[in-house]
Protein backbone atom coordinates (compact mmCIF):
# COMPACT_ATOMS: atom_id res chain seq x y z
CA MET A 1 -28.61 69.37 31.97
CA LYS A 2 -30.60 72.58 32.34
CA LYS A 3 -33.61 72.35 34.60
CA SER A 4 -37.05 73.15 33.18
CA VAL A 5 -38.61 76.47 34.11
CA LYS A 6 -41.23 74.69 36.24
CA THR A 7 -38.48 72.90 38.15
CA GLN A 8 -36.60 76.18 38.63
CA ILE A 9 -39.65 78.06 39.91
CA LEU A 10 -40.45 75.30 42.40
CA ALA A 11 -36.82 75.27 43.53
CA ILE A 12 -36.93 79.04 44.08
CA TYR A 13 -40.14 78.65 46.07
CA ARG A 14 -38.56 76.00 48.30
CA ILE A 15 -35.38 78.02 48.87
CA LEU A 16 -37.37 81.12 49.85
CA TYR A 17 -39.62 79.04 52.08
CA ARG A 18 -36.57 77.76 53.95
CA SER A 19 -35.37 81.35 54.35
CA TYR A 20 -38.64 83.01 55.41
CA GLY A 21 -40.87 80.15 56.53
CA PRO A 22 -44.66 80.37 56.31
CA VAL A 23 -45.41 84.06 55.79
CA GLU A 24 -48.78 85.41 56.88
CA CYS A 25 -50.70 88.14 55.09
CA PHE A 26 -49.02 91.47 55.85
CA LEU A 27 -52.36 93.26 56.31
CA LYS A 28 -53.86 92.49 59.72
CA HIS A 29 -57.52 91.84 59.03
CA SER A 30 -60.43 90.02 60.71
CA ASN A 31 -62.77 89.44 57.76
CA PRO A 32 -62.98 89.67 53.96
CA PHE A 33 -64.29 93.24 53.94
CA GLN A 34 -61.44 94.50 56.10
CA LEU A 35 -58.85 92.88 53.86
CA LEU A 36 -60.52 94.27 50.75
CA VAL A 37 -60.45 97.80 52.14
CA MET A 38 -56.92 97.49 53.46
CA ALA A 39 -55.65 96.15 50.16
CA VAL A 40 -57.07 99.22 48.41
CA LEU A 41 -55.55 101.50 51.04
CA SER A 42 -52.13 99.87 50.66
CA ALA A 43 -51.63 101.23 47.13
CA GLN A 44 -48.45 103.34 47.19
CA CYS A 45 -48.45 103.08 50.97
CA THR A 46 -46.73 100.80 53.48
CA ASP A 47 -48.57 97.93 55.12
CA LYS A 48 -47.34 99.25 58.46
CA LYS A 49 -49.20 102.53 58.01
CA VAL A 50 -52.35 100.77 56.84
CA ASN A 51 -52.27 98.39 59.82
CA ALA A 52 -51.83 101.32 62.20
CA LEU A 53 -54.79 103.29 60.84
CA ALA A 54 -57.16 100.37 60.21
CA PRO A 55 -58.50 99.97 63.79
CA LEU A 56 -59.64 103.61 63.84
CA LEU A 57 -61.21 103.29 60.40
CA PHE A 58 -63.08 100.06 61.15
CA ALA A 59 -64.27 101.31 64.53
CA ARG A 60 -66.25 103.91 62.59
CA TYR A 61 -66.94 102.06 59.35
CA PRO A 62 -66.83 98.33 60.17
CA ASP A 63 -68.78 96.85 57.27
CA PRO A 64 -70.08 97.45 53.74
CA LYS A 65 -73.36 98.94 54.95
CA SER A 66 -71.81 101.62 57.15
CA THR A 67 -69.11 102.37 54.58
CA SER A 68 -71.58 102.66 51.70
CA SER A 69 -73.39 105.45 53.53
CA ALA A 70 -70.22 107.25 54.62
CA LYS A 71 -69.79 110.88 53.65
CA PHE A 72 -66.95 111.23 51.17
CA SER A 73 -65.48 114.22 53.03
CA GLU A 74 -65.37 112.38 56.34
CA TYR A 75 -64.06 109.11 54.96
CA SER A 76 -61.37 110.72 52.83
CA LYS A 77 -60.23 112.85 55.77
CA LEU A 78 -59.90 109.75 57.93
CA ILE A 79 -57.67 107.94 55.42
CA LYS A 80 -55.74 111.04 54.29
CA PRO A 81 -52.47 109.97 56.01
CA LEU A 82 -52.28 106.97 53.64
CA GLY A 83 -52.04 109.01 50.45
CA LEU A 84 -54.20 109.05 47.31
CA PHE A 85 -57.03 109.46 49.79
CA ARG A 86 -59.59 111.00 47.45
CA ALA A 87 -59.43 108.20 44.88
CA LYS A 88 -59.27 105.54 47.58
CA ALA A 89 -62.25 106.96 49.47
CA LYS A 90 -64.31 107.20 46.29
CA ASN A 91 -63.51 103.63 45.27
CA ILE A 92 -64.04 102.09 48.70
CA ILE A 93 -67.41 103.79 49.20
CA SER A 94 -68.53 102.85 45.68
CA ALA A 95 -67.32 99.26 46.11
CA SER A 96 -69.18 99.03 49.42
CA LYS A 97 -72.39 100.18 47.73
CA MET A 98 -71.91 97.52 45.07
CA ILE A 99 -71.33 94.84 47.72
CA CYS A 100 -74.59 95.82 49.40
CA GLU A 101 -76.64 96.15 46.22
CA LYS A 102 -75.25 93.38 44.03
CA PHE A 103 -73.69 90.88 46.41
CA ASN A 104 -76.14 90.93 49.32
CA GLY A 105 -73.71 92.63 51.67
CA GLU A 106 -71.02 89.95 51.32
CA VAL A 107 -67.63 90.32 49.67
CA PRO A 108 -67.67 88.03 46.61
CA SER A 109 -65.20 85.18 46.53
CA SER A 110 -64.22 85.11 42.86
CA ILE A 111 -61.76 87.26 40.93
CA GLU A 112 -64.32 87.78 38.17
CA GLU A 113 -66.79 89.35 40.61
CA LEU A 114 -64.22 91.26 42.65
CA VAL A 115 -62.72 93.09 39.66
CA GLN A 116 -66.17 94.41 38.75
CA MET A 117 -65.94 96.75 41.71
CA PRO A 118 -64.38 100.24 41.52
CA GLY A 119 -60.70 100.31 42.43
CA ILE A 120 -60.36 96.53 42.61
CA GLY A 121 -57.77 95.14 40.22
CA ARG A 122 -56.39 91.63 39.91
CA LYS A 123 -53.73 92.23 42.56
CA THR A 124 -56.29 93.13 45.22
CA ALA A 125 -58.66 90.40 44.06
CA ASN A 126 -55.90 87.80 44.33
CA VAL A 127 -55.01 89.00 47.83
CA VAL A 128 -58.62 88.62 48.95
CA ILE A 129 -59.32 85.20 47.43
CA GLY A 130 -56.00 83.84 48.64
CA HIS A 131 -56.06 85.04 52.21
CA VAL A 132 -59.71 84.94 53.27
CA PHE A 133 -61.31 82.43 50.91
CA GLY A 134 -58.46 79.96 50.66
CA LYS A 135 -58.49 79.94 46.87
CA PRO A 136 -55.39 79.98 44.67
CA GLY A 137 -54.28 83.51 43.92
CA PHE A 138 -50.96 85.10 42.93
CA PRO A 139 -50.88 88.84 43.71
CA VAL A 140 -48.26 90.72 41.70
CA ASP A 141 -46.91 93.81 43.45
CA THR A 142 -43.79 95.87 42.70
CA HIS A 143 -41.51 93.46 44.60
CA VAL A 144 -42.83 90.47 42.68
CA GLN A 145 -42.43 92.32 39.37
CA ARG A 146 -38.86 93.35 40.17
CA ILE A 147 -37.70 89.89 41.22
CA MET A 148 -39.33 88.06 38.32
CA ARG A 149 -37.75 90.52 35.89
CA ARG A 150 -34.32 90.25 37.49
CA LEU A 151 -34.58 86.50 37.35
CA SER A 152 -35.32 87.06 33.64
CA TYR A 153 -38.44 84.92 33.54
CA VAL A 154 -40.34 87.97 32.28
CA SER A 155 -39.32 91.20 30.57
CA GLU A 156 -39.46 94.81 31.70
CA LYS A 157 -42.39 95.34 29.35
CA ASP A 158 -44.49 92.49 30.73
CA SER A 159 -47.58 93.57 32.65
CA PRO A 160 -48.51 92.32 36.13
CA GLU A 161 -51.23 90.24 34.46
CA LYS A 162 -48.67 88.56 32.22
CA ILE A 163 -46.38 87.88 35.18
CA GLU A 164 -49.31 86.37 37.07
CA ALA A 165 -50.16 84.16 34.11
CA PHE A 166 -46.53 83.06 33.79
CA VAL A 167 -46.27 81.97 37.41
CA ASN A 168 -49.69 80.33 37.36
CA SER A 169 -48.64 78.24 34.37
CA HIS A 170 -45.33 77.15 35.93
CA LEU A 171 -46.22 76.55 39.58
CA ASP A 172 -48.83 74.38 41.26
CA ALA A 173 -51.82 76.48 42.37
CA LYS A 174 -51.44 75.42 46.01
CA TYR A 175 -48.23 77.49 46.19
CA TRP A 176 -49.43 80.71 44.55
CA SER A 177 -50.41 82.81 47.57
CA ALA A 178 -47.42 81.70 49.62
CA PHE A 179 -45.00 82.28 46.72
CA SER A 180 -46.21 85.86 46.33
CA LEU A 181 -45.66 86.54 50.04
CA LEU A 182 -42.21 84.93 49.91
CA LEU A 183 -41.18 87.05 46.92
CA ILE A 184 -42.43 90.20 48.66
CA SER A 185 -40.49 89.27 51.81
CA HIS A 186 -37.38 88.67 49.71
CA GLY A 187 -37.85 91.94 47.86
CA ARG A 188 -38.06 93.86 51.11
CA ALA A 189 -35.10 92.13 52.76
CA ILE A 190 -32.67 91.34 49.94
CA CYS A 191 -33.74 92.09 46.36
CA LYS A 192 -34.32 95.79 46.90
CA ALA A 193 -34.97 98.25 44.11
CA SER A 194 -31.75 100.09 44.85
CA LYS A 195 -28.64 98.41 46.23
CA PRO A 196 -29.86 94.80 46.16
CA LYS A 197 -27.94 92.52 48.51
CA CYS A 198 -27.06 90.01 45.81
CA LEU A 199 -24.19 88.37 47.68
CA ASN A 200 -26.65 87.48 50.47
CA CYS A 201 -29.28 86.21 48.06
CA GLU A 202 -29.96 82.48 48.20
CA ILE A 203 -31.57 82.43 44.75
CA ARG A 204 -28.78 84.34 42.97
CA ASN A 205 -27.77 81.25 40.98
CA PHE A 206 -31.10 81.52 39.16
CA CYS A 207 -30.74 85.25 38.58
CA LYS A 208 -29.68 86.79 35.28
CA PHE A 209 -29.35 90.23 36.93
CA PHE A 210 -26.74 88.80 39.31
CA LYS A 211 -24.87 87.03 36.53
CA ILE A 212 -24.66 90.20 34.46
CA ASN A 213 -23.59 92.39 37.40
CA LYS A 214 -21.62 89.78 39.31
CA SER A 215 -18.29 91.58 39.09
CA SER A 216 -19.72 94.74 40.67
CA PHE A 217 -20.69 92.89 43.84
CA LYS A 218 -17.18 91.67 44.67
């Protein structure tokens, strides 16, 4: 008898948890503002690079107040090694001003408020609420998208928002943040964009991509 999708998703979560254990947030932060900024900086950039540059950035601009008054030229120059630095600098400075003016200098703790700020989408908002406020959140990055599509629970055309909604409707909220981190870990280690290590994948029995391409992995 075929297992329900909810049963399958929970089984995948448990298998990945056994493989990777409790995974901590990849961005090394000390407070909500730091994580918010680092999540923005991580767009099309590795967490390793963001973690390496963050101490220098926060030594100069540690909070919303100092960041809101930062000169665009200086801030963008400081984060230039991380790529897309002009757009990131503009959004971070603007978001910091909004935090100071609208949220009394404190990073808001709801997705609805977070996505009001420049450069803050649902992925970043979910990262923040899940890792500093302890609220259920399922961030959907490129690894999560790739794995969910290969598993065939969603299609290539489905947006990150639709993937988030799918998981949220099929998995208990207490697992959302951890499941995202586990999928990202699996995407980095096994289910890579090119040359996925399917024969080493512990969730391959759930995977349509593996079933279709099975003969090529022998």
